[in-house]
């Protein structure tokens, strides 16, 4: 439930405090379900692989990651953030690379200068019940650009629910990228009248830029 209290985040006993969309909330501690889906197991395998790789680095290589990590801040939490550790940066970069089918690296790659993402919107069509989802583009996104999506929700929703990784973007055809197969493989065909949220971000050498979010309502069949 929403509460009025000093800003706080984390677990205390059997209660958990966190920032919600509309303010601070407090809820009972709950153990999340663990269905061991293919996606969950894949992420866990990536994390285990990266942790094992860290132990095989030379001390000079670990020192290089630690030095590079001093320039990378953690995600802000209650207005506070700090530099990552060398292992955290190593994990961040290599898990991002493995997610898009890349290879692990032993040296910290230089942070890129991201250009504007050439994706401008999401368009959904419904032809005789066949729903197609396409991203509108003004150019070709960088190789490895990532697609995330949420299950279809009521069109009255103004904010997206939790997103999961659906895959990487193909090259555009006629200024559009068809993401129907990737989305339906996870959530099935979204019904008419529902809203679909997706996010897209670039992934260059394991560095990810800030995601752009798009949404559209599935129209009635025509």
Protein backbone atom coordinates (compact mmCIF):
# COMPACT_ATOMS: atom_id res chain seq x y z
CA UNK A 1 0.00 0.00 0.00
CA UNK A 2 1.04 3.62 -0.51
CA UNK A 3 2.43 5.29 2.63
CA UNK A 4 3.69 8.69 3.79
CA UNK A 5 7.10 8.28 5.38
CA UNK A 6 10.73 9.26 4.96
CA UNK A 7 12.19 7.98 1.65
CA UNK A 8 13.35 4.41 2.11
CA UNK A 9 14.10 1.35 0.01
CA UNK A 10 14.83 -2.23 0.95
CA UNK A 11 13.82 -4.98 3.35
CA UNK A 12 13.24 -4.58 7.06
CA UNK A 13 12.07 -7.75 8.80
CA UNK A 14 8.99 -9.01 6.97
CA UNK A 15 8.28 -5.69 5.19
CA UNK A 16 9.69 -4.23 1.98
CA UNK A 17 9.74 -0.53 1.10
CA UNK A 18 10.19 0.76 -2.44
CA UNK A 19 9.34 3.62 -4.75
CA UNK A 20 6.23 3.01 -6.85
CA UNK A 21 4.78 4.91 -9.80
CA UNK A 22 2.71 7.11 -7.47
CA UNK A 23 4.95 7.40 -4.43
CA UNK A 24 6.45 5.26 -1.71
CA UNK A 25 4.85 1.91 -0.97
CA UNK A 26 5.26 -0.74 1.71
CA UNK A 27 4.35 -4.39 1.26
CA UNK A 28 4.79 -7.73 2.95
CA UNK A 29 7.91 -9.67 1.99
CA UNK A 30 7.06 -12.35 -0.57
CA UNK A 31 9.30 -15.02 -2.03
CA UNK A 32 9.04 -14.70 -5.82
CA UNK A 33 8.02 -17.69 -7.87
CA UNK A 34 10.77 -19.67 -9.52
CA UNK A 35 9.30 -21.45 -12.55
CA UNK A 36 12.79 -21.98 -14.02
CA UNK A 37 11.77 -20.81 -17.45
CA UNK A 38 14.20 -21.03 -20.34
CA UNK A 39 14.78 -17.27 -20.13
CA UNK A 40 15.53 -17.45 -16.39
CA UNK A 41 17.93 -20.34 -16.80
CA UNK A 42 19.70 -18.63 -19.69
CA UNK A 43 20.33 -15.48 -17.63
CA UNK A 44 21.56 -17.56 -14.69
CA UNK A 45 23.90 -19.49 -16.96
CA UNK A 46 25.29 -16.23 -18.31
CA UNK A 47 25.90 -14.90 -14.79
CA UNK A 48 27.57 -18.15 -13.73
CA UNK A 49 29.78 -18.12 -16.83
CA UNK A 50 30.84 -14.51 -16.25
CA UNK A 51 31.60 -15.16 -12.57
CA UNK A 52 33.77 -18.12 -13.53
CA UNK A 53 35.57 -16.05 -16.19
CA UNK A 54 36.41 -13.32 -13.66
CA UNK A 55 38.37 -15.87 -11.61
CA UNK A 56 40.47 -16.83 -14.63
CA UNK A 57 41.68 -13.27 -15.33
CA UNK A 58 45.17 -12.19 -14.36
CA UNK A 59 45.49 -9.65 -11.58
CA UNK A 60 46.55 -7.00 -14.10
CA UNK A 61 43.37 -7.67 -16.09
CA UNK A 62 41.20 -7.39 -12.95
CA UNK A 63 42.98 -4.15 -12.03
CA UNK A 64 42.14 -2.74 -15.47
CA UNK A 65 38.45 -3.44 -14.92
CA UNK A 66 38.61 -1.89 -11.44
CA UNK A 67 40.22 1.27 -12.85
CA UNK A 68 37.62 1.52 -15.64
CA UNK A 69 34.78 0.97 -13.17
CA UNK A 70 35.64 4.12 -11.20
CA UNK A 71 34.19 6.10 -14.14
CA UNK A 72 30.87 4.20 -14.22
CA UNK A 73 28.10 5.02 -11.75
CA UNK A 74 25.49 2.61 -10.43
CA UNK A 75 21.81 3.25 -11.10
CA UNK A 76 20.49 5.98 -8.81
CA UNK A 77 18.51 4.75 -5.78
CA UNK A 78 16.82 7.36 -3.59
CA UNK A 79 19.02 9.93 -5.27
CA UNK A 80 22.24 8.11 -4.41
CA UNK A 81 24.71 6.28 -6.62
CA UNK A 82 28.36 5.37 -6.62
CA UNK A 83 31.09 3.84 -8.78
CA UNK A 84 30.87 0.18 -9.72
CA UNK A 85 33.42 -2.39 -8.64
CA UNK A 86 35.61 -4.04 -11.25
CA UNK A 87 33.62 -7.26 -11.04
CA UNK A 88 30.32 -5.40 -11.40
CA UNK A 89 31.49 -3.68 -14.59
CA UNK A 90 32.92 -6.95 -15.94
CA UNK A 91 29.57 -8.65 -15.28
CA UNK A 92 27.56 -5.77 -16.72
CA UNK A 93 29.49 -5.70 -20.01
CA UNK A 94 29.79 -9.43 -20.52
CA UNK A 95 26.21 -10.31 -19.57
CA UNK A 96 25.05 -7.70 -22.10
CA UNK A 97 27.29 -9.22 -24.75
CA UNK A 98 26.12 -12.77 -24.05
CA UNK A 99 22.46 -11.65 -24.18
CA UNK A 100 22.84 -10.67 -27.84
CA UNK A 101 24.93 -13.68 -28.80
CA UNK A 102 28.34 -12.01 -28.47
CA UNK A 103 31.53 -13.31 -26.90
CA UNK A 104 32.91 -12.41 -23.49
CA UNK A 105 35.78 -9.91 -23.34
CA UNK A 106 38.70 -9.85 -20.94
CA UNK A 107 39.57 -6.15 -21.31
CA UNK A 108 37.14 -3.28 -20.63
CA UNK A 109 35.91 -1.86 -23.96
CA UNK A 110 35.89 1.89 -24.42
CA UNK A 111 32.47 3.43 -23.81
CA UNK A 112 30.95 4.43 -27.18
CA UNK A 113 29.29 7.69 -28.15
CA UNK A 114 25.75 6.60 -28.92
CA UNK A 115 24.01 8.18 -31.88
CA UNK A 116 20.28 8.88 -31.82
CA UNK A 117 18.32 5.62 -32.03
CA UNK A 118 16.66 5.56 -35.49
CA UNK A 119 13.39 4.08 -34.18
CA UNK A 120 10.45 6.49 -33.97
CA UNK A 121 7.35 4.50 -33.04
CA UNK A 122 5.32 1.30 -32.87
CA UNK A 123 2.54 0.55 -35.35
CA UNK A 124 0.08 -2.35 -35.01
CA UNK A 125 -2.25 -3.61 -37.73
CA UNK A 126 -4.97 -6.24 -37.55
CA UNK A 127 -5.89 -7.69 -40.92
CA UNK A 128 -8.67 -10.28 -40.62
CA UNK A 129 -7.37 -11.22 -37.16
CA UNK A 130 -3.70 -11.41 -38.18
CA UNK A 131 -1.94 -8.91 -35.90
CA UNK A 132 1.35 -7.40 -37.07
CA UNK A 133 3.68 -5.29 -34.93
CA UNK A 134 6.26 -3.08 -36.61
CA UNK A 135 8.75 -0.47 -35.42
CA UNK A 136 8.98 2.63 -37.62
CA UNK A 137 12.55 3.62 -38.45
CA UNK A 138 14.46 6.46 -40.02
CA UNK A 139 17.61 4.39 -40.53
CA UNK A 140 19.28 1.13 -39.57
CA UNK A 141 19.79 0.55 -35.81
CA UNK A 142 23.22 -0.55 -34.66
CA UNK A 143 23.91 -4.29 -34.74
CA UNK A 144 22.82 -5.86 -31.47
CA UNK A 145 20.09 -3.31 -30.72
CA UNK A 146 17.86 -4.90 -28.09
CA UNK A 147 14.08 -5.37 -28.01
CA UNK A 148 12.15 -5.76 -24.77
CA UNK A 149 8.41 -6.15 -24.38
CA UNK A 150 5.61 -6.44 -21.84
CA UNK A 151 2.45 -8.56 -21.98
CA UNK A 152 -0.58 -6.83 -23.53
CA UNK A 153 -2.52 -4.73 -21.03
CA UNK A 154 -5.67 -2.62 -20.87
CA UNK A 155 -5.52 0.33 -23.25
CA UNK A 156 -6.23 2.56 -20.26
CA UNK A 157 -2.79 1.87 -18.81
CA UNK A 158 -0.43 4.82 -19.03
CA UNK A 159 2.65 3.01 -17.78
CA UNK A 160 4.19 -0.23 -18.91
CA UNK A 161 4.40 -3.34 -16.72
CA UNK A 162 7.65 -5.25 -16.38
CA UNK A 163 9.62 -5.84 -19.57
CA UNK A 164 11.58 -8.91 -20.66
CA UNK A 165 14.22 -9.30 -23.36
CA UNK A 166 12.72 -10.56 -26.62
CA UNK A 167 15.75 -10.51 -28.93
CA UNK A 168 17.71 -8.21 -31.19
CA UNK A 169 16.38 -6.09 -34.04
CA UNK A 170 16.55 -7.15 -37.67
CA UNK A 171 17.46 -4.72 -40.43
CA UNK A 172 14.55 -2.50 -41.49
CA UNK A 173 12.58 -3.12 -44.66
CA UNK A 174 10.82 -0.09 -46.16
CA UNK A 175 11.55 1.94 -43.00
CA UNK A 176 10.01 -0.65 -40.65
CA UNK A 177 11.18 -3.59 -38.54
CA UNK A 178 8.70 -6.42 -38.06
CA UNK A 179 8.80 -7.60 -34.43
CA UNK A 180 5.68 -9.76 -34.62
CA UNK A 181 7.49 -13.09 -34.39
CA UNK A 182 9.63 -12.06 -31.41
CA UNK A 183 6.66 -10.61 -29.51
CA UNK A 184 4.25 -13.47 -30.21
CA UNK A 185 6.83 -16.09 -29.30
CA UNK A 186 6.69 -14.76 -25.74
CA UNK A 187 3.14 -13.46 -25.31
CA UNK A 188 1.10 -14.83 -28.20
CA UNK A 189 -0.99 -12.63 -30.48
CA UNK A 190 -2.23 -9.57 -28.55
CA UNK A 191 -6.04 -9.22 -28.63
CA UNK A 192 -7.83 -6.25 -30.18
CA UNK A 193 -8.35 -3.34 -27.81
CA UNK A 194 -5.26 -4.07 -25.70
CA UNK A 195 -2.17 -1.89 -25.47
CA UNK A 196 1.33 -3.15 -26.21
CA UNK A 197 4.48 -1.62 -24.72
CA UNK A 198 8.00 -2.24 -26.05
CA UNK A 199 11.43 -0.76 -25.37
CA UNK A 200 14.43 -0.56 -27.67
CA UNK A 201 18.02 0.30 -26.85
CA UNK A 202 21.40 0.07 -28.52
CA UNK A 203 24.07 -2.36 -27.32
CA UNK A 204 27.57 -1.56 -28.56
CA UNK A 205 30.43 -3.66 -27.19
CA UNK A 206 28.31 -4.48 -24.13
CA UNK A 207 27.49 -0.84 -23.34
CA UNK A 208 23.75 -0.12 -23.41
CA UNK A 209 22.17 3.30 -23.91
CA UNK A 210 18.94 4.54 -22.31
CA UNK A 211 15.95 2.61 -23.72
CA UNK A 212 13.28 4.32 -25.79
CA UNK A 213 9.73 3.17 -25.00
CA UNK A 214 6.86 2.92 -27.48
CA UNK A 215 3.26 1.79 -27.19
CA UNK A 216 0.27 1.23 -29.45
CA UNK A 217 -3.26 -0.14 -29.19
CA UNK A 218 -4.23 -3.22 -31.16
CA UNK A 219 -7.02 -2.15 -33.54
CA UNK A 220 -10.14 -4.14 -34.33
CA UNK A 221 -9.86 -6.54 -37.25
CA UNK A 222 -10.40 -4.92 -40.64
